[in-house]
Amino acid sequence: MSIAQSLLAIVLEEAQRHGVQRITKVAVKVGAFANVVPDSLTFSFDLIKEDTPAAEATLEIEQIPAQGVCHACGAQIDMAQLVAACPECESKDIQMNGGQELYIDHIEAD
């Protein structure tokens, strides 16, 4: 619920800043390892948006896959499953570089 409240607060602040009266869509990008359950976020957002300029807005959630990079060989690694070593060179010097993000990508309004 607190994530939905924070998202809505940002959306409403931007709407006010731009003189928007009606928000139609909020597009959010959520990393696979961001610890956000999309259905729960949508449910919470729908509960708290009533009586705001976002009352009719849909929440569109795009999940970003977890990605990593091996510092030893530069291989890009799919981190959908936790990886202990690079599948290319077996180095353990891997850094996650995607999959933990949570941000508003864009807002649509009338």
Protein backbone atom coordinates (compact mmCIF):
# COMPACT_ATOMS: atom_id res chain seq x y z
CA MET A 1 0.00 0.00 0.00
CA SER A 2 2.82 2.44 0.82
CA ILE A 3 4.31 2.02 -2.67
CA ALA A 4 0.93 2.77 -4.25
CA GLN A 5 0.57 5.83 -2.01
CA SER A 6 4.00 7.09 -3.03
CA LEU A 7 3.27 6.54 -6.71
CA LEU A 8 -0.06 8.33 -6.46
CA ALA A 9 1.52 11.25 -4.59
CA ILE A 10 4.10 11.68 -7.36
CA VAL A 11 1.44 11.41 -10.07
CA LEU A 12 -0.81 13.97 -8.39
CA GLU A 13 2.09 16.35 -7.82
CA GLU A 14 3.04 16.17 -11.50
CA ALA A 15 -0.59 16.61 -12.55
CA GLN A 16 -0.88 19.74 -10.43
CA ARG A 17 2.44 21.07 -11.71
CA HIS A 18 1.24 20.70 -15.32
CA GLY A 19 -2.36 21.81 -14.74
CA VAL A 20 -3.81 18.38 -15.56
CA GLN A 21 -7.39 17.72 -14.49
CA ARG A 22 -7.77 14.05 -15.49
CA ILE A 23 -5.14 11.32 -15.56
CA THR A 24 -5.91 8.36 -17.80
CA LYS A 25 -2.90 6.08 -17.39
CA VAL A 26 0.12 5.63 -15.15
CA ALA A 27 2.85 3.42 -16.60
CA VAL A 28 5.25 1.93 -14.08
CA LYS A 29 8.36 -0.18 -14.59
CA VAL A 30 9.11 -2.73 -11.88
CA GLY A 31 12.23 -4.88 -11.67
CA ALA A 32 11.86 -8.61 -11.13
CA PHE A 33 13.76 -8.32 -7.83
CA ALA A 34 12.06 -5.12 -6.61
CA ASN A 35 9.87 -7.09 -4.18
CA VAL A 36 6.66 -5.70 -5.69
CA VAL A 37 3.69 -7.93 -6.46
CA PRO A 38 2.02 -6.35 -9.53
CA ASP A 39 -1.51 -7.49 -8.61
CA SER A 40 -1.16 -6.10 -5.09
CA LEU A 41 0.18 -2.79 -6.41
CA THR A 42 -2.72 -2.51 -8.86
CA PHE A 43 -5.26 -3.37 -6.16
CA SER A 44 -3.79 -0.81 -3.75
CA PHE A 45 -3.57 1.90 -6.42
CA ASP A 46 -7.19 1.32 -7.39
CA LEU A 47 -8.29 1.68 -3.75
CA ILE A 48 -6.58 5.00 -3.10
CA LYS A 49 -7.06 6.80 -6.42
CA GLU A 50 -10.78 7.49 -5.87
CA ASP A 51 -11.76 11.17 -5.62
CA THR A 52 -8.49 12.29 -7.23
CA PRO A 53 -7.66 13.38 -10.79
CA ALA A 54 -6.41 9.78 -11.23
CA ALA A 55 -9.76 8.21 -10.32
CA GLU A 56 -10.23 6.77 -13.81
CA ALA A 57 -6.55 6.03 -14.49
CA THR A 58 -5.31 2.57 -15.29
CA LEU A 59 -2.05 1.39 -13.80
CA GLU A 60 0.10 -0.29 -16.43
CA ILE A 61 2.96 -2.33 -14.97
CA GLU A 62 5.88 -3.55 -17.05
CA GLN A 63 8.19 -6.01 -15.36
CA ILE A 64 11.90 -5.54 -16.05
CA PRO A 65 13.92 -8.76 -16.04
CA ALA A 66 16.88 -9.16 -13.73
CA GLN A 67 20.16 -8.72 -15.59
CA GLY A 68 23.77 -8.89 -14.55
CA VAL A 69 27.21 -8.35 -16.03
CA CYS A 70 30.38 -10.32 -15.43
CA HIS A 71 33.27 -8.00 -14.63
CA ALA A 72 35.80 -10.62 -15.71
CA CYS A 73 34.58 -11.28 -19.27
CA GLY A 74 31.81 -8.72 -19.85
CA ALA A 75 29.10 -11.32 -20.44
CA GLN A 76 25.51 -10.15 -20.00
CA ILE A 77 23.76 -12.61 -17.70
CA ASP A 78 20.06 -13.36 -17.31
CA MET A 79 19.54 -13.29 -13.58
CA ALA A 80 16.01 -14.73 -13.58
CA GLN A 81 17.51 -17.34 -11.28
CA LEU A 82 20.22 -16.33 -8.85
CA VAL A 83 23.58 -17.03 -10.46
CA ALA A 84 26.65 -17.87 -8.37
CA ALA A 85 29.16 -17.77 -11.23
CA CYS A 86 29.34 -16.49 -14.80
CA PRO A 87 28.12 -19.16 -17.22
CA GLU A 88 30.80 -18.03 -19.72
CA CYS A 89 33.99 -17.83 -17.62
CA GLU A 90 32.90 -19.10 -14.17
CA SER A 91 34.00 -15.87 -12.47
CA LYS A 92 32.10 -14.91 -9.33
CA ASP A 93 32.63 -11.19 -10.05
CA ILE A 94 29.06 -10.52 -11.20
CA GLN A 95 27.15 -7.32 -10.66
CA MET A 96 23.40 -7.02 -10.98
CA ASN A 97 22.59 -4.10 -13.29
CA GLY A 98 18.86 -4.48 -13.80
CA GLY A 99 15.84 -5.91 -12.06
CA GLN A 100 15.70 -3.83 -8.89
CA GLU A 101 14.16 -0.68 -10.35
CA LEU A 102 10.76 0.79 -9.56
CA TYR A 103 9.78 4.00 -11.30
CA ILE A 104 7.03 5.83 -13.14
CA ASP A 105 7.83 5.61 -16.83
CA HIS A 106 5.13 8.00 -18.00
CA ILE A 107 1.76 9.49 -17.18
CA GLU A 108 -1.03 10.03 -19.72
CA ALA A 109 -3.72 12.65 -19.23
CA ASP A 110 -6.47 14.53 -21.03
